[in-house]
Amino acid sequence: MSEERPVASPCVHVCALDEDDICIGCQRNVAEITRWGRMDNPERREVLQRCHQRAEAKGILL
């Protein structure tokens, strides 16, 4: 059985934090960005879901 590929980073190379310390490009917070490389796929999927929710709340389409 082959190993699952890592979930890709949502980084879009627009790296700047808003007033809530959320990246305006990918919608991750500082802790999520810092830990991304050490997360397993289930954790990464949870982060992506939170990013999507943050984007929706701000009216941003990812």
PDB file of N, CA and C in Angstrom:
ATOM      1  N   MET A   1       0.848  -1.188   0.000  1.00  0.00           N
ATOM      2  CA  MET A   1       0.000   0.000   0.000  1.00  0.00           C
ATOM      3  C   MET A   1       0.889   1.246   0.000  1.00  0.00           C
ATOM      4  N   SER A   2       0.613   2.179  -0.895  1.00  0.00           N
ATOM      5  CA  SER A   2       1.433   3.381  -0.984  1.00  0.00           C
ATOM      6  C   SER A   2       1.009   4.402   0.067  1.00  0.00           C
ATOM      7  N   GLU A   3       1.971   5.228   0.447  1.00  0.00           N
ATOM      8  CA  GLU A   3       1.731   6.261   1.429  1.00  0.00           C
ATOM      9  C   GLU A   3       0.966   7.416   0.792  1.00  0.00           C
ATOM     10  N   GLU A   4       0.069   8.016   1.551  1.00  0.00           N
ATOM     11  CA  GLU A   4      -0.705   9.163   1.072  1.00  0.00           C
ATOM     12  C   GLU A   4       0.219  10.376   0.893  1.00  0.00           C
ATOM     13  N   ARG A   5       0.014  11.122  -0.170  1.00  0.00           N
ATOM     14  CA  ARG A   5       0.793  12.335  -0.407  1.00  0.00           C
ATOM     15  C   ARG A   5       0.411  13.404   0.621  1.00  0.00           C
ATOM     16  N   PRO A   6       1.369  14.244   1.007  1.00  0.00           N
ATOM     17  CA  PRO A   6       1.046  15.328   1.940  1.00  0.00           C
ATOM     18  C   PRO A   6       0.044  16.302   1.314  1.00  0.00           C
ATOM     19  N   VAL A   7      -0.872  16.786   2.123  1.00  0.00           N
ATOM     20  CA  VAL A   7      -1.812  17.811   1.684  1.00  0.00           C
ATOM     21  C   VAL A   7      -1.006  19.076   1.394  1.00  0.00           C
ATOM     22  N   ALA A   8      -1.243  19.679   0.250  1.00  0.00           N
ATOM     23  CA  ALA A   8      -0.485  20.861  -0.181  1.00  0.00           C
ATOM     24  C   ALA A   8      -0.799  22.080   0.678  1.00  0.00           C
ATOM     25  N   SER A   9       0.198  22.916   0.826  1.00  0.00           N
ATOM     26  CA  SER A   9       0.039  24.166   1.562  1.00  0.00           C
ATOM     27  C   SER A   9      -0.908  25.097   0.802  1.00  0.00           C
ATOM     28  N   PRO A  10      -1.720  25.857   1.535  1.00  0.00           N
ATOM     29  CA  PRO A  10      -2.610  26.816   0.874  1.00  0.00           C
ATOM     30  C   PRO A  10      -1.916  28.148   0.549  1.00  0.00           C
ATOM     31  N   CYS A  11      -0.614  28.238   0.804  1.00  0.00           N
ATOM     32  CA  CYS A  11       0.122  29.480   0.573  1.00  0.00           C
ATOM     33  C   CYS A  11      -0.030  29.933  -0.885  1.00  0.00           C
ATOM     34  N   VAL A  12      -0.337  31.221  -1.041  1.00  0.00           N
ATOM     35  CA  VAL A  12      -0.449  31.813  -2.379  1.00  0.00           C
ATOM     36  C   VAL A  12       0.590  32.918  -2.572  1.00  0.00           C
ATOM     37  N   HIS A  13       1.581  32.953  -1.686  1.00  0.00           N
ATOM     38  CA  HIS A  13       2.692  33.903  -1.758  1.00  0.00           C
ATOM     39  C   HIS A  13       2.246  35.352  -1.657  1.00  0.00           C
ATOM     40  N   VAL A  14       1.190  35.582  -0.889  1.00  0.00           N
ATOM     41  CA  VAL A  14       0.738  36.922  -0.522  1.00  0.00           C
ATOM     42  C   VAL A  14       0.785  36.942   1.003  1.00  0.00           C
ATOM     43  N   CYS A  15       1.990  37.084   1.521  1.00  0.00           N
ATOM     44  CA  CYS A  15       2.237  36.873   2.949  1.00  0.00           C
ATOM     45  C   CYS A  15       2.226  38.184   3.722  1.00  0.00           C
ATOM     46  N   ALA A  16       1.100  38.476   4.339  1.00  0.00           N
ATOM     47  CA  ALA A  16       0.950  39.651   5.192  1.00  0.00           C
ATOM     48  C   ALA A  16      -0.153  39.347   6.184  1.00  0.00           C
ATOM     49  N   LEU A  17       0.045  39.752   7.425  1.00  0.00           N
ATOM     50  CA  LEU A  17      -0.942  39.481   8.462  1.00  0.00           C
ATOM     51  C   LEU A  17      -1.893  40.662   8.616  1.00  0.00           C
ATOM     52  N   ASP A  18      -3.162  40.337   8.845  1.00  0.00           N
ATOM     53  CA  ASP A  18      -4.139  41.391   9.098  1.00  0.00           C
ATOM     54  C   ASP A  18      -4.120  41.744  10.595  1.00  0.00           C
ATOM     55  N   GLU A  19      -5.058  42.561  11.016  1.00  0.00           N
ATOM     56  CA  GLU A  19      -5.104  43.005  12.416  1.00  0.00           C
ATOM     57  C   GLU A  19      -5.380  41.868  13.409  1.00  0.00           C
ATOM     58  N   ASP A  20      -5.865  40.740  12.915  1.00  0.00           N
ATOM     59  CA  ASP A  20      -6.122  39.567  13.763  1.00  0.00           C
ATOM     60  C   ASP A  20      -5.011  38.523  13.654  1.00  0.00           C
ATOM     61  N   ASP A  21      -3.902  38.894  13.037  1.00  0.00           N
ATOM     62  CA  ASP A  21      -2.759  37.991  12.806  1.00  0.00           C
ATOM     63  C   ASP A  21      -3.132  36.783  11.952  1.00  0.00           C
ATOM     64  N   ILE A  22      -3.982  37.025  10.956  1.00  0.00           N
ATOM     65  CA  ILE A  22      -4.354  36.022   9.965  1.00  0.00           C
ATOM     66  C   ILE A  22      -3.748  36.460   8.633  1.00  0.00           C
ATOM     67  N   CYS A  23      -3.097  35.530   7.950  1.00  0.00           N
ATOM     68  CA  CYS A  23      -2.500  35.856   6.658  1.00  0.00           C
ATOM     69  C   CYS A  23      -3.592  36.233   5.659  1.00  0.00           C
ATOM     70  N   ILE A  24      -3.407  37.357   4.985  1.00  0.00           N
ATOM     71  CA  ILE A  24      -4.427  37.795   4.025  1.00  0.00           C
ATOM     72  C   ILE A  24      -4.421  36.952   2.760  1.00  0.00           C
ATOM     73  N   GLY A  25      -3.347  36.203   2.534  1.00  0.00           N
ATOM     74  CA  GLY A  25      -3.270  35.361   1.342  1.00  0.00           C
ATOM     75  C   GLY A  25      -3.922  34.007   1.532  1.00  0.00           C
ATOM     76  N   CYS A  26      -3.544  33.302   2.600  1.00  0.00           N
ATOM     77  CA  CYS A  26      -4.009  31.918   2.770  1.00  0.00           C
ATOM     78  C   CYS A  26      -5.010  31.743   3.899  1.00  0.00           C
ATOM     79  N   GLN A  27      -5.196  32.754   4.737  1.00  0.00           N
ATOM     80  CA  GLN A  27      -6.145  32.732   5.846  1.00  0.00           C
ATOM     81  C   GLN A  27      -5.706  31.853   7.024  1.00  0.00           C
ATOM     82  N   ARG A  28      -4.412  31.500   7.070  1.00  0.00           N
ATOM     83  CA  ARG A  28      -3.908  30.762   8.236  1.00  0.00           C
ATOM     84  C   ARG A  28      -3.406  31.748   9.280  1.00  0.00           C
ATOM     85  N   ASN A  29      -3.461  31.315  10.559  1.00  0.00           N
ATOM     86  CA  ASN A  29      -2.857  32.139  11.602  1.00  0.00           C
ATOM     87  C   ASN A  29      -1.378  31.782  11.722  1.00  0.00           C
ATOM     88  N   VAL A  30      -0.646  32.536  12.529  1.00  0.00           N
ATOM     89  CA  VAL A  30       0.798  32.348  12.635  1.00  0.00           C
ATOM     90  C   VAL A  30       1.146  30.937  13.096  1.00  0.00           C
ATOM     91  N   ALA A  31       0.443  30.417  14.076  1.00  0.00           N
ATOM     92  CA  ALA A  31       0.722  29.064  14.584  1.00  0.00           C
ATOM     93  C   ALA A  31       0.502  28.015  13.499  1.00  0.00           C
ATOM     94  N   GLU A  32      -0.556  28.174  12.711  1.00  0.00           N
ATOM     95  CA  GLU A  32      -0.835  27.211  11.640  1.00  0.00           C
ATOM     96  C   GLU A  32       0.245  27.250  10.564  1.00  0.00           C
ATOM     97  N   ILE A  33       0.708  28.452  10.248  1.00  0.00           N
ATOM     98  CA  ILE A  33       1.765  28.591   9.242  1.00  0.00           C
ATOM     99  C   ILE A  33       3.049  27.943   9.753  1.00  0.00           C
ATOM    100  N   THR A  34       3.390  28.232  10.986  1.00  0.00           N
ATOM    101  CA  THR A  34       4.631  27.728  11.580  1.00  0.00           C
ATOM    102  C   THR A  34       4.631  26.210  11.703  1.00  0.00           C
ATOM    103  N   ARG A  35       3.511  25.630  12.078  1.00  0.00           N
ATOM    104  CA  ARG A  35       3.430  24.181  12.313  1.00  0.00           C
ATOM    105  C   ARG A  35       3.157  23.357  11.065  1.00  0.00           C
ATOM    106  N   TRP A  36       2.789  23.980   9.968  1.00  0.00           N
ATOM    107  CA  TRP A  36       2.333  23.259   8.776  1.00  0.00           C
ATOM    108  C   TRP A  36       3.254  22.102   8.393  1.00  0.00           C
ATOM    109  N   GLY A  37       4.532  22.313   8.378  1.00  0.00           N
ATOM    110  CA  GLY A  37       5.487  21.291   7.961  1.00  0.00           C
ATOM    111  C   GLY A  37       5.533  20.078   8.882  1.00  0.00           C
ATOM    112  N   ARG A  38       5.059  20.231  10.105  1.00  0.00           N
ATOM    113  CA  ARG A  38       5.057  19.131  11.063  1.00  0.00           C
ATOM    114  C   ARG A  38       3.682  18.509  11.268  1.00  0.00           C
ATOM    115  N   MET A  39       2.687  18.997  10.555  1.00  0.00           N
ATOM    116  CA  MET A  39       1.321  18.470  10.682  1.00  0.00           C
ATOM    117  C   MET A  39       1.149  17.227   9.827  1.00  0.00           C
ATOM    118  N   ASP A  40       0.281  16.334  10.293  1.00  0.00           N
ATOM    119  CA  ASP A  40      -0.100  15.208   9.451  1.00  0.00           C
ATOM    120  C   ASP A  40      -1.295  15.649   8.595  1.00  0.00           C
ATOM    121  N   ASN A  41      -1.691  14.821   7.658  1.00  0.00           N
ATOM    122  CA  ASN A  41      -2.764  15.204   6.733  1.00  0.00           C
ATOM    123  C   ASN A  41      -4.088  15.523   7.418  1.00  0.00           C
ATOM    124  N   PRO A  42      -4.531  14.747   8.421  1.00  0.00           N
ATOM    125  CA  PRO A  42      -5.787  15.128   9.083  1.00  0.00           C
ATOM    126  C   PRO A  42      -5.718  16.523   9.712  1.00  0.00           C
ATOM    127  N   GLU A  43      -4.594  16.867  10.330  1.00  0.00           N
ATOM    128  CA  GLU A  43      -4.437  18.205  10.906  1.00  0.00           C
ATOM    129  C   GLU A  43      -4.469  19.264   9.809  1.00  0.00           C
ATOM    130  N   ARG A  44      -3.791  18.988   8.705  1.00  0.00           N
ATOM    131  CA  ARG A  44      -3.767  19.948   7.598  1.00  0.00           C
ATOM    132  C   ARG A  44      -5.172  20.169   7.032  1.00  0.00           C
ATOM    133  N   ARG A  45      -5.934  19.118   6.938  1.00  0.00           N
ATOM    134  CA  ARG A  45      -7.318  19.269   6.434  1.00  0.00           C
ATOM    135  C   ARG A  45      -8.164  20.109   7.388  1.00  0.00           C
ATOM    136  N   GLU A  46      -7.941  19.960   8.696  1.00  0.00           N
ATOM    137  CA  GLU A  46      -8.654  20.786   9.678  1.00  0.00           C
ATOM    138  C   GLU A  46      -8.293  22.258   9.497  1.00  0.00           C
ATOM    139  N   VAL A  47      -7.006  22.533   9.284  1.00  0.00           N
ATOM    140  CA  VAL A  47      -6.558  23.904   9.065  1.00  0.00           C
ATOM    141  C   VAL A  47      -7.195  24.460   7.790  1.00  0.00           C
ATOM    142  N   LEU A  48      -7.208  23.677   6.733  1.00  0.00           N
ATOM    143  CA  LEU A  48      -7.815  24.140   5.483  1.00  0.00           C
ATOM    144  C   LEU A  48      -9.297  24.463   5.661  1.00  0.00           C
ATOM    145  N   GLN A  49      -9.977  23.671   6.470  1.00  0.00           N
ATOM    146  CA  GLN A  49     -11.398  23.937   6.746  1.00  0.00           C
ATOM    147  C   GLN A  49     -11.550  25.269   7.493  1.00  0.00           C
ATOM    148  N   ARG A  50     -10.685  25.503   8.479  1.00  0.00           N
ATOM    149  CA  ARG A  50     -10.734  26.776   9.209  1.00  0.00           C
ATOM    150  C   ARG A  50     -10.410  27.948   8.281  1.00  0.00           C
ATOM    151  N   CYS A  51      -9.450  27.758   7.383  1.00  0.00           N
ATOM    152  CA  CYS A  51      -9.117  28.807   6.414  1.00  0.00           C
ATOM    153  C   CYS A  51     -10.325  29.145   5.554  1.00  0.00           C
ATOM    154  N   HIS A  52     -11.010  28.118   5.100  1.00  0.00           N
ATOM    155  CA  HIS A  52     -12.200  28.317   4.280  1.00  0.00           C
ATOM    156  C   HIS A  52     -13.274  29.079   5.069  1.00  0.00           C
ATOM    157  N   GLN A  53     -13.465  28.698   6.325  1.00  0.00           N
ATOM    158  CA  GLN A  53     -14.456  29.386   7.161  1.00  0.00           C
ATOM    159  C   GLN A  53     -14.087  30.850   7.381  1.00  0.00           C
ATOM    160  N   ARG A  54     -12.810  31.107   7.615  1.00  0.00           N
ATOM    161  CA  ARG A  54     -12.352  32.498   7.797  1.00  0.00           C
ATOM    162  C   ARG A  54     -12.590  33.302   6.519  1.00  0.00           C
ATOM    163  N   ALA A  55     -12.261  32.707   5.380  1.00  0.00           N
ATOM    164  CA  ALA A  55     -12.455  33.393   4.104  1.00  0.00           C
ATOM    165  C   ALA A  55     -13.935  33.695   3.869  1.00  0.00           C
ATOM    166  N   GLU A  56     -14.776  32.716   4.127  1.00  0.00           N
ATOM    167  CA  GLU A  56     -16.221  32.931   3.961  1.00  0.00           C
ATOM    168  C   GLU A  56     -16.712  34.050   4.854  1.00  0.00           C
ATOM    169  N   ALA A  57     -16.250  34.070   6.102  1.00  0.00           N
ATOM    170  CA  ALA A  57     -16.681  35.102   7.043  1.00  0.00           C
ATOM    171  C   ALA A  57     -16.266  36.492   6.580  1.00  0.00           C
ATOM    172  N   LYS A  58     -15.159  36.588   5.860  1.00  0.00           N
ATOM    173  CA  LYS A  58     -14.674  37.867   5.346  1.00  0.00           C
ATOM    174  C   LYS A  58     -15.179  38.165   3.935  1.00  0.00           C
ATOM    175  N   GLY A  59     -15.920  37.221   3.357  1.00  0.00           N
ATOM    176  CA  GLY A  59     -16.418  37.417   2.001  1.00  0.00           C
ATOM    177  C   GLY A  59     -15.354  37.250   0.941  1.00  0.00           C
ATOM    178  N   ILE A  60     -14.345  36.430   1.248  1.00  0.00           N
ATOM    179  CA  ILE A  60     -13.237  36.171   0.338  1.00  0.00           C
ATOM    180  C   ILE A  60     -13.423  34.795  -0.281  1.00  0.00           C
ATOM    181  N   LEU A  61     -13.182  34.690  -1.571  1.00  0.00           N
ATOM    182  CA  LEU A  61     -13.256  33.403  -2.239  1.00  0.00           C
ATOM    183  C   LEU A  61     -11.840  32.846  -2.369  1.00  0.00           C
ATOM    184  N   LEU A  62     -11.605  31.676  -1.796  1.00  0.00           N
ATOM    185  CA  LEU A  62     -10.281  31.044  -1.911  1.00  0.00           C
ATOM    186  C   LEU A  62     -10.257  30.128  -3.104  1.00  0.00           C
TER     187      LEU A  62
END
